[in-house]
Amino acid sequence: MKSKDIDTTQNKKSAFGAVTKQGNAPVPISILDVATTGKGYSATEGINNSIELAKLADQRGFARYWVAEHHAMPAVSTSSPAMLLSRLIGVTKQIRLGSGGMMLSNFPPLVIAEQFGMLQAMAPGRIDLGIGRAPGTNGLTSHALRRNLVGEENFPAQVTELMHFLDDDFPLGHPYKDKVFAVPGPGQDRENGIARSFDSPSLWLLGSSGYSAQLAGKLGLPFAFAAQLAPENLVVAFELYRKNFKPSNVLDKPHTIACFSVFAADSEEEAKTQTLSFSHSMLRMMSSQSYVIPSPEELKNYVYSESERYVLESWNEKIIQGTADQVVSQLNQFQKTSGADELMIANLGHSLKGILHSAKLIADAYGMPNN
């Protein structure tokens, strides 16, 4: 992924979107968002809250603001990360914007390369492209998205094709060589007879197991681990990534993000109330029901069976919750244990105001500036 028209020394430093930490955080800290739309809220309200959250993240010095792709989930409004990110470009100034992630099983690599090439053209040097292997939805919806289903076993080939589209460097003999190229992208510069003006978005691999960790290492790409789904696999996944890492034109050494589900509130009780709604939504999804986040009021009289209580508590244990100081203390401990180069938080609850407040409290607890 090397270009003759770009200073590769500088490009290598910025190819994965290097960031700096703010305040007392041990490493840079970022936000993952899904435009939460709990029961009783509209998509417009959820998306407007995400816009305010992105503004807050930009103002307080969070390093990145990533949007996750999901489909057929009533509690999630980020079915098109690229569209939301294009809106956020206009309301933020310095924060890196990206996907956490785009699901490569749902779209041809060229589609993703062009969507994020467009974002990079609008906000040069600020765009991250996180790629995931899972569909981010159920099998039937995945089929509706892309009729010619691509199995997860084809993921490495898809990642390679995406990388070639992003850098316009298909090898000689490939049918796409100099004939099929992403626009915007370096192929456009080539066809228009100008020196390369396009620098690709920062490419990341995402995962919640060892598979993507090993692949990211072999490709020399930065790796973001979804500890909000499987915190128990975090340390092992990072070990596999570092063990398999090979220096590339992107990175000289491994670089990691650890992402966690969090909810900070003014009291432990409020944090517990909000996260119960989220855990209940996961219980619903694991019971083959639609992914809906019920209001705390709805759950007051809900009687859980023994098996439901087990599932609920297993998800509660994955969420870092409590007062801001409690949340920050646990985040710091996970960072120390895993050696993560960056942290990322997904503020998950029912209340839109509560989600904003959670991010603000965490920024305050880390002493992040209020620019």
Protein backbone atom coordinates (compact mmCIF):
# COMPACT_ATOMS: atom_id res chain seq x y z
CA MET A 1 0.00 0.00 0.00
CA LYS A 2 2.88 2.27 -0.81
CA SER A 3 2.58 5.30 -3.08
CA LYS A 4 5.36 6.96 -5.03
CA ASP A 5 3.51 10.25 -4.86
CA ILE A 6 3.33 10.43 -1.06
CA ASP A 7 6.10 10.86 1.47
CA THR A 8 5.94 7.31 2.88
CA THR A 9 7.70 8.22 6.13
CA GLN A 10 5.00 10.70 7.02
CA ASN A 11 2.31 8.42 5.61
CA LYS A 12 3.42 5.53 7.81
CA LYS A 13 3.03 7.69 10.89
CA SER A 14 -0.50 8.72 9.96
CA ALA A 15 -1.74 5.70 8.01
CA PHE A 16 -3.55 4.28 11.03
CA GLY A 17 -4.67 7.68 12.31
CA ALA A 18 -2.27 8.41 15.15
CA VAL A 19 -3.89 10.28 18.05
CA THR A 20 -2.84 11.72 21.40
CA LYS A 21 -4.31 11.32 24.85
CA GLN A 22 -6.13 14.09 26.68
CA GLY A 23 -6.30 14.93 30.37
CA ASN A 24 -5.42 12.19 32.86
CA ALA A 25 -6.41 9.28 30.66
CA PRO A 26 -3.52 6.77 30.47
CA VAL A 27 -4.00 6.44 26.69
CA PRO A 28 -6.21 8.14 24.07
CA ILE A 29 -9.90 7.42 24.64
CA SER A 30 -12.65 7.37 22.01
CA ILE A 31 -16.39 6.77 21.59
CA LEU A 32 -18.29 4.04 19.74
CA ASP A 33 -21.89 4.88 18.91
CA VAL A 34 -24.97 3.16 17.47
CA ALA A 35 -27.44 6.08 17.60
CA THR A 36 -29.33 4.30 20.36
CA THR A 37 -33.09 4.49 19.87
CA GLY A 38 -34.66 2.91 22.92
CA LYS A 39 -38.33 2.13 23.23
CA GLY A 40 -40.35 5.34 23.14
CA TYR A 41 -37.79 7.24 21.04
CA SER A 42 -37.79 7.89 17.30
CA ALA A 43 -34.87 7.40 14.91
CA THR A 44 -34.66 11.17 14.49
CA GLU A 45 -34.27 11.61 18.24
CA GLY A 46 -31.61 8.90 18.41
CA ILE A 47 -29.62 10.35 15.52
CA ASN A 48 -29.89 13.91 16.87
CA ASN A 49 -28.53 12.63 20.17
CA SER A 50 -25.61 11.07 18.31
CA ILE A 51 -24.88 14.39 16.64
CA GLU A 52 -24.77 16.05 20.06
CA LEU A 53 -22.58 13.23 21.39
CA ALA A 54 -20.14 13.69 18.51
CA LYS A 55 -20.00 17.44 19.19
CA LEU A 56 -19.30 16.73 22.86
CA ALA A 57 -16.58 14.21 21.95
CA ASP A 58 -14.94 16.73 19.63
CA GLN A 59 -15.12 19.50 22.21
CA ARG A 60 -13.71 17.40 25.07
CA GLY A 61 -10.81 15.91 23.15
CA PHE A 62 -11.92 12.33 22.61
CA ALA A 63 -9.65 10.84 19.95
CA ARG A 64 -12.14 9.08 17.65
CA TYR A 65 -15.86 8.82 17.11
CA TRP A 66 -16.80 5.53 15.47
CA VAL A 67 -20.21 4.34 14.29
CA ALA A 68 -21.16 0.65 14.20
CA GLU A 69 -23.17 -0.89 11.38
CA HIS A 70 -26.25 -2.89 12.38
CA HIS A 71 -29.46 -3.83 10.60
CA ALA A 72 -33.00 -4.86 11.59
CA MET A 73 -32.48 -3.73 15.19
CA PRO A 74 -35.17 -1.30 16.40
CA ALA A 75 -32.87 0.02 19.16
CA VAL A 76 -30.07 0.90 16.71
CA SER A 77 -30.31 3.54 13.97
CA THR A 78 -26.85 3.21 12.42
CA SER A 79 -27.73 1.06 9.42
CA SER A 80 -25.52 3.32 7.26
CA PRO A 81 -22.41 4.55 9.12
CA ALA A 82 -21.16 6.45 6.06
CA MET A 83 -24.32 8.58 5.91
CA LEU A 84 -24.17 9.50 9.59
CA LEU A 85 -20.44 10.20 9.38
CA SER A 86 -20.99 12.57 6.45
CA ARG A 87 -23.32 14.57 8.72
CA LEU A 88 -20.80 14.54 11.56
CA ILE A 89 -18.03 15.93 9.37
CA GLY A 90 -19.88 19.23 9.26
CA VAL A 91 -20.43 19.54 13.03
CA THR A 92 -16.96 18.51 14.26
CA LYS A 93 -13.54 20.06 13.79
CA GLN A 94 -10.72 17.77 14.88
CA ILE A 95 -11.94 14.39 16.07
CA ARG A 96 -11.32 11.39 13.81
CA LEU A 97 -14.53 9.89 12.45
CA GLY A 98 -14.97 6.31 11.38
CA SER A 99 -16.75 2.98 11.37
CA GLY A 100 -16.58 0.46 14.13
CA GLY A 101 -17.24 -1.19 11.89
CA MET A 102 -18.47 -1.69 8.37
CA MET A 103 -19.46 -5.32 7.89
CA LEU A 104 -17.56 -6.59 4.87
CA SER A 105 -19.90 -9.57 4.49
CA ASN A 106 -22.78 -7.22 3.63
CA PHE A 107 -21.22 -5.16 0.83
CA PRO A 108 -18.78 -5.60 -2.05
CA PRO A 109 -15.35 -4.13 -1.18
CA LEU A 110 -15.68 -1.54 -3.97
CA VAL A 111 -18.84 -0.10 -2.40
CA ILE A 112 -17.12 0.38 0.95
CA ALA A 113 -13.96 1.78 -0.67
CA GLU A 114 -16.01 4.40 -2.52
CA GLN A 115 -18.18 5.35 0.47
CA PHE A 116 -15.16 5.93 2.68
CA GLY A 117 -13.16 7.44 -0.15
CA MET A 118 -15.92 10.04 -0.39
CA LEU A 119 -15.70 10.70 3.35
CA GLN A 120 -11.91 11.00 3.14
CA ALA A 121 -12.24 13.48 0.26
CA MET A 122 -14.59 15.60 2.39
CA ALA A 123 -12.48 15.39 5.55
CA PRO A 124 -8.88 14.53 4.56
CA GLY A 125 -6.87 12.90 7.31
CA ARG A 126 -9.82 12.42 9.66
CA ILE A 127 -11.43 9.18 8.47
CA ASP A 128 -11.02 5.68 9.92
CA LEU A 129 -12.42 2.58 8.21
CA GLY A 130 -12.94 -0.22 10.69
CA ILE A 131 -13.89 -3.53 9.06
CA GLY A 132 -15.78 -6.38 10.72
CA ARG A 133 -16.31 -10.01 9.68
CA ALA A 134 -19.77 -10.69 11.12
CA PRO A 135 -22.92 -9.39 9.36
CA GLY A 136 -24.12 -7.23 12.27
CA THR A 137 -27.60 -8.68 11.89
CA ASN A 138 -29.46 -11.95 11.45
CA GLY A 139 -28.93 -14.29 8.52
CA LEU A 140 -32.16 -13.46 6.71
CA THR A 141 -31.49 -9.72 6.82
CA SER A 142 -27.94 -10.34 5.64
CA HIS A 143 -29.38 -12.22 2.68
CA ALA A 144 -31.69 -9.29 1.91
CA LEU A 145 -28.70 -6.92 2.00
CA ARG A 146 -26.54 -8.98 -0.32
CA ARG A 147 -28.26 -11.80 -2.20
CA ASN A 148 -25.01 -13.46 -3.23
CA LEU A 149 -23.93 -14.30 0.28
CA VAL A 150 -20.21 -14.21 1.04
CA GLY A 151 -19.14 -16.62 3.73
CA GLU A 152 -16.92 -15.56 6.61
CA GLU A 153 -14.25 -17.92 5.23
CA ASN A 154 -13.82 -15.43 2.35
CA PHE A 155 -13.08 -12.55 4.71
CA PRO A 156 -9.28 -12.44 4.14
CA ALA A 157 -9.77 -12.27 0.36
CA GLN A 158 -12.35 -9.51 0.77
CA VAL A 159 -10.01 -7.51 3.03
CA THR A 160 -7.21 -7.86 0.47
CA GLU A 161 -9.48 -6.70 -2.35
CA LEU A 162 -10.62 -3.72 -0.27
CA MET A 163 -7.00 -2.75 0.41
CA HIS A 164 -6.22 -2.86 -3.31
CA PHE A 165 -9.21 -0.66 -4.11
CA LEU A 166 -8.21 1.84 -1.42
CA ASP A 167 -4.68 2.14 -2.80
CA ASP A 168 -5.27 1.37 -6.50
CA ASP A 169 -2.53 -1.23 -6.53
CA PHE A 170 -3.97 -4.43 -7.96
CA PRO A 171 -1.10 -6.64 -9.18
CA LEU A 172 -0.24 -7.12 -12.84
CA GLY A 173 -2.51 -9.66 -14.44
CA HIS A 174 -5.44 -8.95 -12.14
CA PRO A 175 -8.62 -8.26 -14.18
CA TYR A 176 -9.23 -5.03 -12.21
CA LYS A 177 -5.72 -3.64 -12.79
CA ASP A 178 -6.10 -0.04 -14.10
CA LYS A 179 -9.65 -0.85 -15.23
CA VAL A 180 -11.79 -0.94 -12.09
CA PHE A 181 -11.02 1.63 -9.42
CA ALA A 182 -12.69 3.39 -6.51
CA VAL A 183 -13.91 6.97 -6.91
CA PRO A 184 -12.87 9.04 -5.03
CA GLY A 185 -9.51 7.36 -4.82
CA PRO A 186 -5.97 7.29 -6.19
CA GLY A 187 -7.16 5.69 -9.43
CA GLN A 188 -9.14 8.84 -10.12
CA ASP A 189 -5.97 10.91 -9.73
CA ARG A 190 -4.18 8.57 -12.12
CA GLU A 191 -6.90 8.81 -14.76
CA ASN A 192 -7.06 12.59 -14.42
CA GLY A 193 -3.33 12.92 -15.00
CA ILE A 194 -2.37 14.41 -11.64
CA ALA A 195 0.06 13.35 -8.93
CA ARG A 196 -1.63 11.35 -6.25
CA SER A 197 -3.66 13.68 -4.06
CA PHE A 198 -5.70 11.02 -2.31
CA ASP A 199 -4.54 9.38 0.91
CA SER A 200 -6.62 6.37 1.91
CA PRO A 201 -8.71 6.32 5.09
CA SER A 202 -7.08 4.57 8.02
CA LEU A 203 -7.92 0.85 7.79
CA TRP A 204 -8.55 -1.18 10.96
CA LEU A 205 -9.63 -4.75 11.57
CA LEU A 206 -12.20 -5.34 14.30
CA GLY A 207 -13.07 -8.51 16.17
CA SER A 208 -14.21 -10.20 19.37
CA SER A 209 -12.17 -13.42 19.02
CA GLY A 210 -8.74 -14.56 17.94
CA TYR A 211 -9.53 -14.89 14.22
CA SER A 212 -9.45 -11.21 13.27
CA ALA A 213 -6.67 -10.61 15.79
CA GLN A 214 -4.38 -13.02 13.92
CA LEU A 215 -5.39 -11.70 10.51
CA ALA A 216 -4.77 -8.08 11.57
CA GLY A 217 -1.33 -9.09 12.80
CA LYS A 218 -0.42 -10.92 9.60
CA LEU A 219 -1.53 -7.93 7.48
CA GLY A 220 0.28 -5.42 9.71
CA LEU A 221 -2.93 -3.49 10.41
CA PRO A 222 -4.13 -1.87 13.65
CA PHE A 223 -6.61 -4.00 15.60
CA ALA A 224 -9.67 -2.99 17.64
CA PHE A 225 -11.14 -5.58 20.00
CA ALA A 226 -14.85 -5.57 20.89
CA ALA A 227 -14.54 -6.18 24.62
CA GLN A 228 -18.13 -4.96 24.95
CA LEU A 229 -19.06 -8.39 23.56
CA ALA A 230 -16.38 -10.65 25.00
CA PRO A 231 -14.15 -8.98 27.60
CA GLU A 232 -12.97 -12.42 28.70
CA ASN A 233 -11.18 -12.83 25.34
CA LEU A 234 -9.42 -9.46 25.36
CA VAL A 235 -5.98 -10.40 26.70
CA VAL A 236 -5.72 -13.60 24.63
CA ALA A 237 -6.79 -11.78 21.44
CA PHE A 238 -4.17 -9.07 21.95
CA GLU A 239 -1.52 -11.72 22.60
CA LEU A 240 -2.43 -13.47 19.33
CA TYR A 241 -2.34 -10.17 17.47
CA ARG A 242 1.08 -9.22 18.78
CA LYS A 243 2.47 -12.73 18.25
CA ASN A 244 1.35 -12.76 14.60
CA PHE A 245 2.20 -9.14 13.81
CA LYS A 246 4.32 -8.43 10.75
CA PRO A 247 5.54 -4.86 10.06
CA SER A 248 3.88 -3.29 7.03
CA ASN A 249 3.69 -0.04 5.11
CA VAL A 250 1.02 0.94 7.64
CA LEU A 251 2.62 0.02 10.96
CA ASP A 252 6.09 -0.71 12.32
CA LYS A 253 4.68 -2.31 15.47
CA PRO A 254 1.29 -3.52 16.79
CA HIS A 255 -1.37 -0.97 17.70
CA THR A 256 -4.56 -1.83 19.60
CA ILE A 257 -7.88 -0.43 20.75
CA ALA A 258 -9.94 -2.07 23.48
CA CYS A 259 -13.64 -1.13 23.38
CA PHE A 260 -15.95 -1.50 26.40
CA SER A 261 -19.61 -1.06 27.22
CA VAL A 262 -19.96 1.62 29.89
CA PHE A 263 -22.53 3.71 31.66
CA ALA A 264 -21.56 6.41 34.15
CA ALA A 265 -24.21 8.20 36.18
CA ASP A 266 -24.47 10.45 39.21
CA SER A 267 -25.24 7.38 41.34
CA GLU A 268 -24.61 3.65 41.18
CA GLU A 269 -28.35 3.05 41.31
CA GLU A 270 -29.05 5.16 38.21
CA ALA A 271 -26.26 3.44 36.30
CA LYS A 272 -27.66 0.05 37.30
CA THR A 273 -31.15 1.05 36.19
CA GLN A 274 -29.98 2.19 32.76
CA THR A 275 -27.73 -0.79 32.09
CA LEU A 276 -30.50 -3.21 33.09
CA SER A 277 -32.45 -1.92 30.09
CA PHE A 278 -29.51 -2.67 27.81
CA SER A 279 -28.93 -6.12 29.30
CA HIS A 280 -32.62 -6.88 28.82
CA SER A 281 -32.29 -5.98 25.14
CA MET A 282 -29.49 -8.54 24.80
CA LEU A 283 -31.67 -11.10 26.56
CA ARG A 284 -34.38 -10.42 23.98
CA MET A 285 -31.97 -10.82 21.08
CA MET A 286 -30.58 -14.09 22.44
CA SER A 287 -34.16 -15.31 22.71
CA SER A 288 -34.71 -14.60 18.98
CA GLN A 289 -36.80 -11.51 19.73
CA SER A 290 -36.25 -8.10 18.14
CA TYR A 291 -33.48 -5.99 19.62
CA VAL A 292 -35.48 -3.46 21.63
CA ILE A 293 -34.23 -1.51 24.67
CA PRO A 294 -37.20 -1.21 27.04
CA SER A 295 -37.58 1.73 29.40
CA PRO A 296 -36.69 1.20 33.07
CA GLU A 297 -40.36 1.76 33.92
CA GLU A 298 -41.38 -1.21 31.77
CA LEU A 299 -38.99 -3.51 33.62
CA LYS A 300 -40.09 -2.66 37.15
CA ASN A 301 -42.67 -5.43 37.23
CA TYR A 302 -40.92 -7.88 34.91
CA VAL A 303 -40.47 -11.29 36.54
CA TYR A 304 -37.40 -13.12 35.26
CA SER A 305 -37.13 -16.88 35.08
CA GLU A 306 -34.00 -18.53 36.42
CA SER A 307 -32.54 -18.96 32.93
CA GLU A 308 -33.39 -15.38 31.98
CA ARG A 309 -31.76 -14.10 35.14
CA TYR A 310 -28.59 -16.01 34.27
CA VAL A 311 -28.38 -14.46 30.78
CA LEU A 312 -29.23 -11.00 32.14
CA GLU A 313 -26.51 -11.13 34.77
CA SER A 314 -23.95 -12.43 32.27
CA TRP A 315 -24.50 -9.30 30.17
CA ASN A 316 -24.56 -7.01 33.21
CA GLU A 317 -21.09 -8.28 34.08
CA LYS A 318 -19.78 -7.15 30.69
CA ILE A 319 -20.78 -3.51 31.33
CA ILE A 320 -18.52 -1.15 33.25
CA GLN A 321 -21.08 0.82 35.25
CA GLY A 322 -21.36 3.08 38.26
CA THR A 323 -20.17 6.57 39.12
CA ALA A 324 -17.64 8.19 36.81
CA ASP A 325 -14.76 7.47 39.17
CA GLN A 326 -15.76 3.81 39.36
CA VAL A 327 -16.00 3.52 35.58
CA VAL A 328 -12.68 5.25 34.98
CA SER A 329 -10.95 3.09 37.60
CA GLN A 330 -12.12 -0.10 35.85
CA LEU A 331 -11.19 1.22 32.41
CA ASN A 332 -7.70 2.02 33.65
CA GLN A 333 -7.35 -1.46 35.12
CA PHE A 334 -8.39 -3.12 31.84
CA GLN A 335 -5.95 -0.91 29.96
CA LYS A 336 -3.14 -1.84 32.30
CA THR A 337 -3.92 -5.56 32.12
CA SER A 338 -4.29 -5.68 28.34
CA GLY A 339 -1.68 -3.10 27.36
CA ALA A 340 -4.18 -1.47 25.00
CA ASP A 341 -2.73 1.51 23.12
CA GLU A 342 -6.15 3.18 23.10
CA LEU A 343 -9.50 2.81 24.85
CA MET A 344 -12.95 3.15 23.34
CA ILE A 345 -16.29 3.34 25.14
CA ALA A 346 -19.84 2.59 24.07
CA ASN A 347 -22.25 4.41 26.39
CA LEU A 348 -25.20 1.99 26.54
CA GLY A 349 -28.51 2.63 28.27
CA HIS A 350 -32.09 3.67 27.55
CA SER A 351 -32.03 7.39 28.30
CA LEU A 352 -30.66 9.60 25.52
CA LYS A 353 -29.83 12.33 28.02
CA GLY A 354 -28.20 9.68 30.18
CA ILE A 355 -25.95 8.56 27.32
CA LEU A 356 -24.72 12.12 26.79
CA HIS A 357 -24.30 12.62 30.52
CA SER A 358 -22.30 9.39 30.81
CA ALA A 359 -19.76 10.58 28.23
CA LYS A 360 -19.50 13.98 29.92
CA LEU A 361 -18.96 12.44 33.36
CA ILE A 362 -16.19 10.19 32.05
CA ALA A 363 -14.50 13.15 30.33
CA ASP A 364 -14.70 15.08 33.61
CA ALA A 365 -13.29 12.18 35.62
CA TYR A 366 -10.32 11.97 33.24
CA GLY A 367 -9.79 15.73 33.47
CA MET A 368 -10.23 16.16 29.74
CA PRO A 369 -10.27 19.82 28.60
CA ASN A 370 -13.52 21.59 27.75
CA ASN A 371 -12.44 23.40 24.57
